PDB file of N, CA and C in Angstrom:
ATOM      1  N   MET A   1     -45.354  78.710 -16.064  1.00  0.00           N
ATOM      2  CA  MET A   1     -45.731  77.306 -16.001  1.00  0.00           C
ATOM      3  C   MET A   1     -46.068  76.890 -14.564  1.00  0.00           C
ATOM      4  N   LEU A   2     -45.233  77.329 -13.607  1.00  0.00           N
ATOM      5  CA  LEU A   2     -45.492  76.973 -12.211  1.00  0.00           C
ATOM      6  C   LEU A   2     -46.784  77.619 -11.708  1.00  0.00           C
ATOM      7  N   LYS A   3     -47.052  78.846 -12.151  1.00  0.00           N
ATOM      8  CA  LYS A   3     -48.291  79.520 -11.756  1.00  0.00           C
ATOM      9  C   LYS A   3     -49.500  78.754 -12.288  1.00  0.00           C
ATOM     10  N   ASN A   4     -49.383  78.272 -13.515  1.00  0.00           N
ATOM     11  CA  ASN A   4     -50.483  77.492 -14.102  1.00  0.00           C
ATOM     12  C   ASN A   4     -50.722  76.205 -13.334  1.00  0.00           C
ATOM     13  N   CYS A   5     -49.651  75.547 -12.925  1.00  0.00           N
ATOM     14  CA  CYS A   5     -49.780  74.301 -12.154  1.00  0.00           C
ATOM     15  C   CYS A   5     -50.463  74.568 -10.817  1.00  0.00           C
ATOM     16  N   ALA A   6     -50.059  75.651 -10.153  1.00  0.00           N
ATOM     17  CA  ALA A   6     -50.662  76.000  -8.866  1.00  0.00           C
ATOM     18  C   ALA A   6     -52.143  76.315  -9.036  1.00  0.00           C
ATOM     19  N   MET A   7     -52.475  77.033 -10.093  1.00  0.00           N
ATOM     20  CA  MET A   7     -53.861  77.381 -10.346  1.00  0.00           C
ATOM     21  C   MET A   7     -54.692  76.123 -10.618  1.00  0.00           C
ATOM     22  N   LEU A   8     -54.148  75.210 -11.402  1.00  0.00           N
ATOM     23  CA  LEU A   8     -54.865  73.971 -11.698  1.00  0.00           C
ATOM     24  C   LEU A   8     -55.073  73.126 -10.448  1.00  0.00           C
ATOM     25  N   ARG A   9     -54.073  73.101  -9.564  1.00  0.00           N
ATOM     26  CA  ARG A   9     -54.221  72.364  -8.309  1.00  0.00           C
ATOM     27  C   ARG A   9     -55.326  72.976  -7.450  1.00  0.00           C
ATOM     28  N   GLN A  10     -55.349  74.306  -7.387  1.00  0.00           N
ATOM     29  CA  GLN A  10     -56.394  74.985  -6.617  1.00  0.00           C
ATOM     30  C   GLN A  10     -57.775  74.677  -7.187  1.00  0.00           C
ATOM     31  N   GLN A  11     -57.888  74.701  -8.491  1.00  0.00           N
ATOM     32  CA  GLN A  11     -59.163  74.400  -9.123  1.00  0.00           C
ATOM     33  C   GLN A  11     -59.575  72.956  -8.869  1.00  0.00           C
ATOM     34  N   ALA A  12     -58.625  72.044  -8.928  1.00  0.00           N
ATOM     35  CA  ALA A  12     -58.919  70.637  -8.664  1.00  0.00           C
ATOM     36  C   ALA A  12     -59.374  70.447  -7.218  1.00  0.00           C
ATOM     37  N   ASP A  13     -58.715  71.137  -6.277  1.00  0.00           N
ATOM     38  CA  ASP A  13     -59.118  71.062  -4.872  1.00  0.00           C
ATOM     39  C   ASP A  13     -60.537  71.605  -4.684  1.00  0.00           C
ATOM     40  N   ARG A  14     -60.837  72.703  -5.346  1.00  0.00           N
ATOM     41  CA  ARG A  14     -62.163  73.303  -5.233  1.00  0.00           C
ATOM     42  C   ARG A  14     -63.222  72.376  -5.831  1.00  0.00           C
ATOM     43  N   ILE A  15     -62.921  71.739  -6.930  1.00  0.00           N
ATOM     44  CA  ILE A  15     -63.856  70.789  -7.543  1.00  0.00           C
ATOM     45  C   ILE A  15     -64.119  69.629  -6.591  1.00  0.00           C
ATOM     46  N   LYS A  16     -63.072  69.134  -5.924  1.00  0.00           N
ATOM     47  CA  LYS A  16     -63.253  68.049  -4.953  1.00  0.00           C
ATOM     48  C   LYS A  16     -64.159  68.486  -3.811  1.00  0.00           C
ATOM     49  N   GLU A  17     -63.962  69.727  -3.326  1.00  0.00           N
ATOM     50  CA  GLU A  17     -64.808  70.247  -2.255  1.00  0.00           C
ATOM     51  C   GLU A  17     -66.267  70.299  -2.692  1.00  0.00           C
ATOM     52  N   LEU A  18     -66.501  70.807  -3.894  1.00  0.00           N
ATOM     53  CA  LEU A  18     -67.861  70.915  -4.407  1.00  0.00           C
ATOM     54  C   LEU A  18     -68.495  69.546  -4.611  1.00  0.00           C
ATOM     55  N   GLU A  19     -67.711  68.588  -5.110  1.00  0.00           N
ATOM     56  CA  GLU A  19     -68.223  67.233  -5.290  1.00  0.00           C
ATOM     57  C   GLU A  19     -68.635  66.634  -3.948  1.00  0.00           C
ATOM     58  N   LYS A  20     -67.839  66.874  -2.926  1.00  0.00           N
ATOM     59  CA  LYS A  20     -68.162  66.363  -1.592  1.00  0.00           C
ATOM     60  C   LYS A  20     -69.436  67.004  -1.063  1.00  0.00           C
ATOM     61  N   LEU A  21     -69.572  68.307  -1.253  1.00  0.00           N
ATOM     62  CA  LEU A  21     -70.784  68.990  -0.811  1.00  0.00           C
ATOM     63  C   LEU A  21     -72.026  68.430  -1.494  1.00  0.00           C
ATOM     64  N   VAL A  22     -71.943  68.240  -2.793  1.00  0.00           N
ATOM     65  CA  VAL A  22     -73.083  67.701  -3.542  1.00  0.00           C
ATOM     66  C   VAL A  22     -73.377  66.270  -3.084  1.00  0.00           C
ATOM     67  N   SER A  23     -72.345  65.483  -2.916  1.00  0.00           N
ATOM     68  CA  SER A  23     -72.514  64.109  -2.458  1.00  0.00           C
ATOM     69  C   SER A  23     -73.182  64.081  -1.080  1.00  0.00           C
ATOM     70  N   ASP A  24     -72.741  64.940  -0.174  1.00  0.00           N
ATOM     71  CA  ASP A  24     -73.328  65.002   1.164  1.00  0.00           C
ATOM     72  C   ASP A  24     -74.794  65.426   1.095  1.00  0.00           C
ATOM     73  N   MET A  25     -75.105  66.387   0.231  1.00  0.00           N
ATOM     74  CA  MET A  25     -76.481  66.846   0.098  1.00  0.00           C
ATOM     75  C   MET A  25     -77.378  65.736  -0.434  1.00  0.00           C
ATOM     76  N   ILE A  26     -76.885  64.991  -1.412  1.00  0.00           N
ATOM     77  CA  ILE A  26     -77.662  63.883  -1.973  1.00  0.00           C
ATOM     78  C   ILE A  26     -77.896  62.816  -0.904  1.00  0.00           C
ATOM     79  N   TYR A  27     -76.856  62.498  -0.131  1.00  0.00           N
ATOM     80  CA  TYR A  27     -76.992  61.504   0.935  1.00  0.00           C
ATOM     81  C   TYR A  27     -78.007  61.971   1.972  1.00  0.00           C
ATOM     82  N   GLU A  28     -77.873  63.229   2.399  1.00  0.00           N
ATOM     83  CA  GLU A  28     -78.783  63.749   3.419  1.00  0.00           C
ATOM     84  C   GLU A  28     -80.225  63.726   2.934  1.00  0.00           C
ATOM     85  N   LYS A  29     -80.438  64.104   1.692  1.00  0.00           N
ATOM     86  CA  LYS A  29     -81.799  64.127   1.154  1.00  0.00           C
ATOM     87  C   LYS A  29     -82.367  62.714   1.046  1.00  0.00           C
ATOM     88  N   SER A  30     -81.563  61.764   0.578  1.00  0.00           N
ATOM     89  CA  SER A  30     -82.060  60.406   0.399  1.00  0.00           C
ATOM     90  C   SER A  30     -82.255  59.679   1.726  1.00  0.00           C
ATOM     91  N   SER A  31     -81.498  60.064   2.749  1.00  0.00           N
ATOM     92  CA  SER A  31     -81.623  59.394   4.035  1.00  0.00           C
ATOM     93  C   SER A  31     -82.637  60.065   4.956  1.00  0.00           C
ATOM     94  N   GLY A  32     -83.195  61.178   4.504  1.00  0.00           N
ATOM     95  CA  GLY A  32     -84.178  61.868   5.325  1.00  0.00           C
ATOM     96  C   GLY A  32     -83.565  62.823   6.323  1.00  0.00           C
ATOM     97  N   VAL A  33     -82.260  62.897   6.358  1.00  0.00           N
ATOM     98  CA  VAL A  33     -81.584  63.816   7.274  1.00  0.00           C
ATOM     99  C   VAL A  33     -81.793  65.249   6.812  1.00  0.00           C
ATOM    100  N   TYR A  34     -81.878  65.398   5.523  1.00  0.00           N
ATOM    101  CA  TYR A  34     -82.029  66.714   4.915  1.00  0.00           C
ATOM    102  C   TYR A  34     -83.474  67.151   5.093  1.00  0.00           C
ATOM    103  N   ASP A  35     -83.718  68.020   6.051  1.00  0.00           N
ATOM    104  CA  ASP A  35     -85.090  68.420   6.347  1.00  0.00           C
ATOM    105  C   ASP A  35     -85.164  69.938   6.401  1.00  0.00           C
ATOM    106  N   ARG A  36     -85.391  70.535   5.259  1.00  0.00           N
ATOM    107  CA  ARG A  36     -85.504  71.992   5.175  1.00  0.00           C
ATOM    108  C   ARG A  36     -86.957  72.378   5.422  1.00  0.00           C
ATOM    109  N   PRO A  37     -87.180  73.377   6.284  1.00  0.00           N
ATOM    110  CA  PRO A  37     -88.568  73.790   6.507  1.00  0.00           C
ATOM    111  C   PRO A  37     -89.185  74.329   5.229  1.00  0.00           C
ATOM    112  N   GLN A  38     -90.425  73.978   5.004  1.00  0.00           N
ATOM    113  CA  GLN A  38     -91.125  74.435   3.815  1.00  0.00           C
ATOM    114  C   GLN A  38     -91.696  75.820   4.047  1.00  0.00           C
ATOM    115  N   ILE A  39     -91.483  76.709   3.112  1.00  0.00           N
ATOM    116  CA  ILE A  39     -92.035  78.051   3.190  1.00  0.00           C
ATOM    117  C   ILE A  39     -93.160  78.130   2.178  1.00  0.00           C
ATOM    118  N   LYS A  40     -94.322  78.505   2.651  1.00  0.00           N
ATOM    119  CA  LYS A  40     -95.504  78.574   1.799  1.00  0.00           C
ATOM    120  C   LYS A  40     -95.603  79.941   1.135  1.00  0.00           C
ATOM    121  N   GLU A  41     -96.277  79.971   0.011  1.00  0.00           N
ATOM    122  CA  GLU A  41     -96.477  81.209  -0.717  1.00  0.00           C
ATOM    123  C   GLU A  41     -97.555  82.046  -0.031  1.00  0.00           C
ATOM    124  N   LEU A  42     -97.343  83.357   0.014  1.00  0.00           N
ATOM    125  CA  LEU A  42     -98.316  84.271   0.605  1.00  0.00           C
ATOM    126  C   LEU A  42     -99.168  84.896  -0.494  1.00  0.00           C
ATOM    127  N   SER A  43    -100.407  85.178  -0.147  1.00  0.00           N
ATOM    128  CA  SER A  43    -101.287  85.848  -1.106  1.00  0.00           C
ATOM    129  C   SER A  43    -100.937  87.335  -1.162  1.00  0.00           C
ATOM    130  N   ASP A  44    -101.416  88.001  -2.199  1.00  0.00           N
ATOM    131  CA  ASP A  44    -101.188  89.441  -2.322  1.00  0.00           C
ATOM    132  C   ASP A  44    -101.769  90.186  -1.127  1.00  0.00           C
ATOM    133  N   GLU A  45    -102.929  89.744  -0.668  1.00  0.00           N
ATOM    134  CA  GLU A  45    -103.572  90.393   0.469  1.00  0.00           C
ATOM    135  C   GLU A  45    -102.726  90.266   1.737  1.00  0.00           C
ATOM    136  N   GLU A  46    -102.142  89.085   1.947  1.00  0.00           N
ATOM    137  CA  GLU A  46    -101.292  88.888   3.124  1.00  0.00           C
ATOM    138  C   GLU A  46    -100.049  89.776   3.057  1.00  0.00           C
ATOM    139  N   ILE A  47     -99.468  89.884   1.894  1.00  0.00           N
ATOM    140  CA  ILE A  47     -98.283  90.729   1.721  1.00  0.00           C
ATOM    141  C   ILE A  47     -98.628  92.194   1.955  1.00  0.00           C
ATOM    142  N   LYS A  48     -99.758  92.643   1.402  1.00  0.00           N
ATOM    143  CA  LYS A  48    -100.181  94.035   1.602  1.00  0.00           C
ATOM    144  C   LYS A  48    -100.458  94.315   3.075  1.00  0.00           C
ATOM    145  N   ALA A  49    -101.071  93.373   3.781  1.00  0.00           N
ATOM    146  CA  ALA A  49    -101.354  93.548   5.203  1.00  0.00           C
ATOM    147  C   ALA A  49    -100.065  93.693   6.000  1.00  0.00           C
ATOM    148  N   ILE A  50     -99.077  92.905   5.668  1.00  0.00           N
ATOM    149  CA  ILE A  50     -97.785  93.008   6.348  1.00  0.00           C
ATOM    150  C   ILE A  50     -97.176  94.385   6.104  1.00  0.00           C
ATOM    151  N   ALA A  51     -97.195  94.826   4.857  1.00  0.00           N
ATOM    152  CA  ALA A  51     -96.630  96.135   4.519  1.00  0.00           C
ATOM    153  C   ALA A  51     -97.355  97.255   5.249  1.00  0.00           C
ATOM    154  N   ASN A  52     -98.670  97.155   5.337  1.00  0.00           N
ATOM    155  CA  ASN A  52     -99.461  98.202   5.994  1.00  0.00           C
ATOM    156  C   ASN A  52     -99.259  98.233   7.503  1.00  0.00           C
ATOM    157  N   ASN A  53     -98.920  97.105   8.101  1.00  0.00           N
ATOM    158  CA  ASN A  53     -98.760  97.032   9.552  1.00  0.00           C
ATOM    159  C   ASN A  53     -97.363  97.376  10.039  1.00  0.00           C
ATOM    160  N   LEU A  54     -96.430  97.560   9.124  1.00  0.00           N
ATOM    161  CA  LEU A  54     -95.063  97.880   9.543  1.00  0.00           C
ATOM    162  C   LEU A  54     -94.989  99.312  10.053  1.00  0.00           C
ATOM    163  N   THR A  55     -94.313  99.456  11.169  1.00  0.00           N
ATOM    164  CA  THR A  55     -94.020 100.801  11.662  1.00  0.00           C
ATOM    165  C   THR A  55     -92.511 100.951  11.690  1.00  0.00           C
ATOM    166  N   CYS A  56     -92.042 101.976  11.031  1.00  0.00           N
ATOM    167  CA  CYS A  56     -90.601 102.179  10.924  1.00  0.00           C
ATOM    168  C   CYS A  56     -90.204 103.505  11.553  1.00  0.00           C
ATOM    169  N   THR A  57     -89.039 103.485  12.095  1.00  0.00           N
ATOM    170  CA  THR A  57     -88.432 104.714  12.596  1.00  0.00           C
ATOM    171  C   THR A  57     -87.300 105.054  11.641  1.00  0.00           C
ATOM    172  N   PRO A  58     -86.833 106.285  11.657  1.00  0.00           N
ATOM    173  CA  PRO A  58     -85.774 106.675  10.718  1.00  0.00           C
ATOM    174  C   PRO A  58     -84.498 105.837  10.817  1.00  0.00           C
ATOM    175  N   ASP A  59     -84.258 105.242  11.979  1.00  0.00           N
ATOM    176  CA  ASP A  59     -83.029 104.457  12.138  1.00  0.00           C
ATOM    177  C   ASP A  59     -83.162 103.020  11.652  1.00  0.00           C
ATOM    178  N   LYS A  60     -84.335 102.615  11.191  1.00  0.00           N
ATOM    179  CA  LYS A  60     -84.529 101.241  10.721  1.00  0.00           C
ATOM    180  C   LYS A  60     -84.796 101.218   9.224  1.00  0.00           C
ATOM    181  N   ASN A  61     -84.281 100.206   8.576  1.00  0.00           N
ATOM    182  CA  ASN A  61     -84.445 100.048   7.137  1.00  0.00           C
ATOM    183  C   ASN A  61     -85.756  99.308   6.853  1.00  0.00           C
ATOM    184  N   TRP A  62     -86.695  99.969   6.196  1.00  0.00           N
ATOM    185  CA  TRP A  62     -88.013  99.399   5.935  1.00  0.00           C
ATOM    186  C   TRP A  62     -87.926  98.109   5.138  1.00  0.00           C
ATOM    187  N   ASN A  63     -87.041  98.076   4.137  1.00  0.00           N
ATOM    188  CA  ASN A  63     -86.923  96.884   3.289  1.00  0.00           C
ATOM    189  C   ASN A  63     -86.539  95.654   4.090  1.00  0.00           C
ATOM    190  N   VAL A  64     -85.611  95.826   5.028  1.00  0.00           N
ATOM    191  CA  VAL A  64     -85.164  94.696   5.852  1.00  0.00           C
ATOM    192  C   VAL A  64     -86.291  94.237   6.766  1.00  0.00           C
ATOM    193  N   LEU A  65     -86.979  95.175   7.394  1.00  0.00           N
ATOM    194  CA  LEU A  65     -88.096  94.808   8.263  1.00  0.00           C
ATOM    195  C   LEU A  65     -89.191  94.087   7.480  1.00  0.00           C
ATOM    196  N   PHE A  66     -89.485  94.585   6.285  1.00  0.00           N
ATOM    197  CA  PHE A  66     -90.504  93.978   5.435  1.00  0.00           C
ATOM    198  C   PHE A  66     -90.113  92.547   5.065  1.00  0.00           C
ATOM    199  N   ALA A  67     -88.870  92.362   4.658  1.00  0.00           N
ATOM    200  CA  ALA A  67     -88.393  91.023   4.275  1.00  0.00           C
ATOM    201  C   ALA A  67     -88.475  90.062   5.452  1.00  0.00           C
ATOM    202  N   ARG A  68     -88.079  90.512   6.633  1.00  0.00           N
ATOM    203  CA  ARG A  68     -88.140  89.643   7.816  1.00  0.00           C
ATOM    204  C   ARG A  68     -89.571  89.233   8.135  1.00  0.00           C
ATOM    205  N   GLU A  69     -90.484  90.181   8.059  1.00  0.00           N
ATOM    206  CA  GLU A  69     -91.884  89.885   8.358  1.00  0.00           C
ATOM    207  C   GLU A  69     -92.480  88.924   7.319  1.00  0.00           C
ATOM    208  N   ILE A  70     -92.131  89.118   6.073  1.00  0.00           N
ATOM    209  CA  ILE A  70     -92.607  88.220   5.013  1.00  0.00           C
ATOM    210  C   ILE A  70     -92.121  86.789   5.267  1.00  0.00           C
ATOM    211  N   LEU A  71     -90.835  86.645   5.555  1.00  0.00           N
ATOM    212  CA  LEU A  71     -90.287  85.301   5.831  1.00  0.00           C
ATOM    213  C   LEU A  71     -90.914  84.682   7.053  1.00  0.00           C
ATOM    214  N   LYS A  72     -91.112  85.487   8.087  1.00  0.00           N
ATOM    215  CA  LYS A  72     -91.719  84.977   9.318  1.00  0.00           C
ATOM    216  C   LYS A  72     -93.139  84.477   9.047  1.00  0.00           C
ATOM    217  N   LYS A  73     -93.928  85.270   8.343  1.00  0.00           N
ATOM    218  CA  LYS A  73     -95.309  84.897   8.028  1.00  0.00           C
ATOM    219  C   LYS A  73     -95.351  83.640   7.132  1.00  0.00           C
ATOM    220  N   ALA A  74     -94.482  83.587   6.145  1.00  0.00           N
ATOM    221  CA  ALA A  74     -94.470  82.429   5.244  1.00  0.00           C
ATOM    222  C   ALA A  74     -94.065  81.155   5.959  1.00  0.00           C
ATOM    223  N   SER A  75     -93.173  81.238   6.919  1.00  0.00           N
ATOM    224  CA  SER A  75     -92.745  80.031   7.638  1.00  0.00           C
ATOM    225  C   SER A  75     -93.792  79.562   8.643  1.00  0.00           C
ATOM    226  N   GLU A  76     -94.694  80.466   9.046  1.00  0.00           N
ATOM    227  CA  GLU A  76     -95.764  80.099   9.974  1.00  0.00           C
ATOM    228  C   GLU A  76     -96.877  79.317   9.283  1.00  0.00           C
ATOM    229  N   LYS A  77     -97.033  79.491   7.988  1.00  0.00           N
ATOM    230  CA  LYS A  77     -98.125  78.844   7.232  1.00  0.00           C
ATOM    231  C   LYS A  77     -97.958  77.345   7.179  1.00  0.00           C
TER     232      LYS A  77
END
């Protein structure tokens, strides 16, 4: 019974935290404080060009480099 009470208190605390986060996000968005940079969609040609221009060495992970370049290019648009 005591374990159940402790678990319920933890869940209630977590719900309060989540409610506060959502409330803060809604406030920030409505007040204009919430300003996330827009990332534009890349064309297939742009993605292929990025992939073709990558140079990798054995010590670097190609997937990570590719993802970084894609995000960088999309945020520049």
